[in-house]
Protein backbone atom coordinates (compact mmCIF):
# COMPACT_ATOMS: atom_id res chain seq x y z
CA PRO A 1 0.19 0.12 0.04
CA ARG A 2 1.04 3.51 -0.45
CA MET A 3 -0.59 6.22 0.90
CA LYS A 4 -1.33 9.41 -0.17
CA GLU A 5 -2.81 12.02 1.94
CA THR A 6 -6.47 13.05 -0.30
CA SER A 7 -7.97 9.23 -0.48
CA GLY A 8 -5.65 7.21 1.76
CA TRP A 9 -4.05 4.00 1.54
CA GLN A 10 -4.63 2.80 -1.95
CA GLN A 11 -3.21 -0.93 -3.21
CA VAL A 12 -0.31 -0.43 -5.14
CA PHE A 13 0.67 -4.75 -5.99
CA SER A 14 -0.63 -7.68 -4.86
CA SER A 15 1.09 -10.69 -6.54
CA PRO A 16 -0.37 -13.89 -8.15
CA ARG A 17 -1.18 -16.47 -5.01
CA LEU A 18 1.33 -18.21 -4.27
CA ASP A 19 1.95 -22.28 -3.91
CA TRP A 20 3.86 -21.51 -0.73
CA VAL A 21 3.62 -19.57 2.51
CA ILE A 22 5.22 -16.76 2.39
CA GLU A 23 8.10 -16.19 5.13
CA ARG A 24 9.76 -13.67 4.58
CA VAL A 25 8.76 -10.35 1.78
CA ALA A 26 11.60 -7.13 1.20
CA LEU A 27 10.62 -4.05 -0.39
CA ASN A 28 12.82 -1.24 -2.41
CA ALA A 29 11.68 2.10 -3.13
CA LYS A 30 12.73 4.02 -6.08
CA VAL A 31 16.57 3.80 -6.15
CA LEU A 32 17.68 6.73 -7.47
CA GLY A 33 19.50 6.91 -11.14
CA GLY A 34 18.68 2.78 -11.41
CA ALA A 35 19.70 1.24 -13.99
CA LEU A 36 16.26 -0.48 -14.09
CA GLY A 37 14.30 2.66 -15.41
CA ASP A 38 11.22 1.69 -15.39
CA HIS A 39 11.09 -0.95 -12.93
CA ASP A 40 12.72 1.24 -10.20
CA LYS A 41 10.39 -0.45 -7.23
CA MET A 42 10.77 -4.23 -6.60
CA VAL A 43 9.11 -6.72 -4.17
CA ALA A 44 10.98 -9.91 -2.93
CA ALA A 45 9.08 -12.85 -1.52
CA ALA A 46 10.78 -15.98 0.32
CA SER A 47 9.56 -18.90 1.67
CA CYS A 48 12.74 -22.16 2.17
CA SER A 49 15.17 -21.33 0.09
CA GLU A 50 13.43 -20.09 -2.71
CA ILE A 51 13.19 -16.32 -4.07
CA ILE A 52 11.07 -14.98 -5.53
CA LEU A 53 11.26 -11.32 -7.09
CA TRP A 54 8.46 -8.56 -8.80
CA ALA A 55 9.26 -5.30 -10.88
CA LEU A 56 6.56 -3.20 -10.25
CA GLN A 57 5.27 -0.20 -12.72
CA ALA A 58 2.98 2.14 -11.90
CA ASP A 59 -0.16 0.45 -13.20
CA GLY A 60 -0.24 -1.46 -9.96
CA ASN A 61 0.92 -4.17 -11.88
CA GLY A 62 4.31 -6.52 -12.15
CA THR A 63 6.44 -8.50 -14.00
CA GLU A 64 8.47 -11.42 -12.46
CA ILE A 65 12.00 -10.62 -12.51
CA GLY A 66 12.93 -14.24 -11.86
CA VAL A 67 12.78 -17.28 -9.22
CA PHE A 68 16.29 -18.41 -7.12
CA HIS A 69 17.01 -20.55 -5.17
CA LEU A 70 19.47 -20.03 -2.09
CA GLY A 71 19.74 -23.67 -1.04
CA VAL A 72 19.60 -23.69 2.01
CA PRO A 73 16.96 -21.77 4.36
CA VAL A 74 16.66 -18.04 3.62
CA GLU A 75 16.82 -16.15 7.28
CA ALA A 76 17.20 -12.90 5.80
CA LEU A 77 15.79 -11.58 2.70
CA PHE A 78 16.50 -7.34 2.01
CA PHE A 79 17.57 -5.11 -0.35
CA VAL A 80 20.83 -3.04 0.03
CA GLY A 81 21.03 -0.47 -2.40
CA ASN A 82 18.64 -2.29 -5.50
CA GLN A 83 20.65 -5.56 -4.97
CA LEU A 84 18.45 -8.09 -3.67
CA ILE A 85 20.47 -9.74 -0.48
CA ALA A 86 19.86 -13.47 0.57
CA THR A 87 21.28 -14.91 3.77
CA SER A 88 21.65 -18.33 5.99
CA HIS A 89 22.93 -18.54 9.54
CA THR A 90 24.74 -21.18 7.52
CA GLY A 91 27.22 -19.02 5.70
CA LYS A 92 25.16 -18.66 2.57
CA ILE A 93 24.82 -15.70 0.73
CA GLY A 94 23.07 -14.91 -2.43
CA VAL A 95 22.76 -11.46 -4.42
CA TRP A 96 20.91 -10.98 -7.50
CA ASN A 97 22.77 -7.63 -8.83
CA ALA A 98 19.98 -5.39 -10.92
CA VAL A 99 22.76 -3.98 -13.24
CA THR A 100 23.98 -7.79 -14.19
CA LYS A 101 20.62 -8.77 -14.22
CA HIS A 102 21.98 -12.92 -12.06
CA TRP A 103 21.92 -14.19 -9.52
CA GLN A 104 24.96 -15.58 -7.66
CA ILE A 105 25.74 -17.70 -4.33
CA GLN A 106 28.57 -17.42 -2.69
CA ASP A 107 29.57 -19.26 0.77
CA VAL A 108 31.54 -17.40 3.74
CA VAL A 109 31.62 -18.50 7.16
CA PRO A 110 28.15 -19.06 9.35
CA ILE A 111 26.73 -15.45 9.83
CA ASN A 112 25.71 -14.24 12.98
CA SER A 113 24.14 -10.63 12.42
CA TYR A 114 23.89 -8.42 9.63
CA ASP A 115 23.90 -4.46 9.05
CA ALA A 116 23.85 -2.38 5.80
CA ALA A 117 24.79 1.28 5.40
CA GLY A 118 23.75 3.31 1.83
CA THR A 119 25.30 0.51 -0.61
CA PHE A 120 27.74 -1.20 2.27
CA LEU A 121 26.74 -4.78 3.39
CA LEU A 122 28.84 -6.21 6.95
CA LEU A 123 28.23 -9.09 7.47
CA GLY A 124 29.29 -10.46 11.51
CA CYS A 125 30.29 -14.04 11.64
CA ASN A 126 30.81 -16.34 14.43
CA ASN A 127 34.69 -16.95 13.69
CA GLY A 128 34.80 -13.64 15.23
CA SER A 129 35.07 -11.67 11.62
CA ILE A 130 33.01 -9.03 10.55
CA TYR A 131 32.61 -8.97 6.85
CA TYR A 132 32.37 -5.96 4.39
CA VAL A 133 30.53 -6.63 1.72
């Protein structure tokens, strides 16, 4: 939903009915100077190790960008800039890059915590290290 001062809340997008329970959801609002052009608003949903990503249009329709697999349960799903990030405490991180339009999975040591600062991602890992991505 979005808020319009003159009319209250309005529905902006409704996904197709999914065959699985949505456990995580992430929203990316307008990315200034983003590489997506008209597809500058995105929403993602995850269940277990599956992630689905949509680009939202101004008319309320959504275009499915893709379905991605992390291979392990997704425990956090969020955007950093216009990159979709999925993490698991097992030490896997998945990234959908809005510029290259590719999904990439990387193994790191098990992740205990994370934070994003602007376009940077910090991972706190169980070996006592902080990783800067």
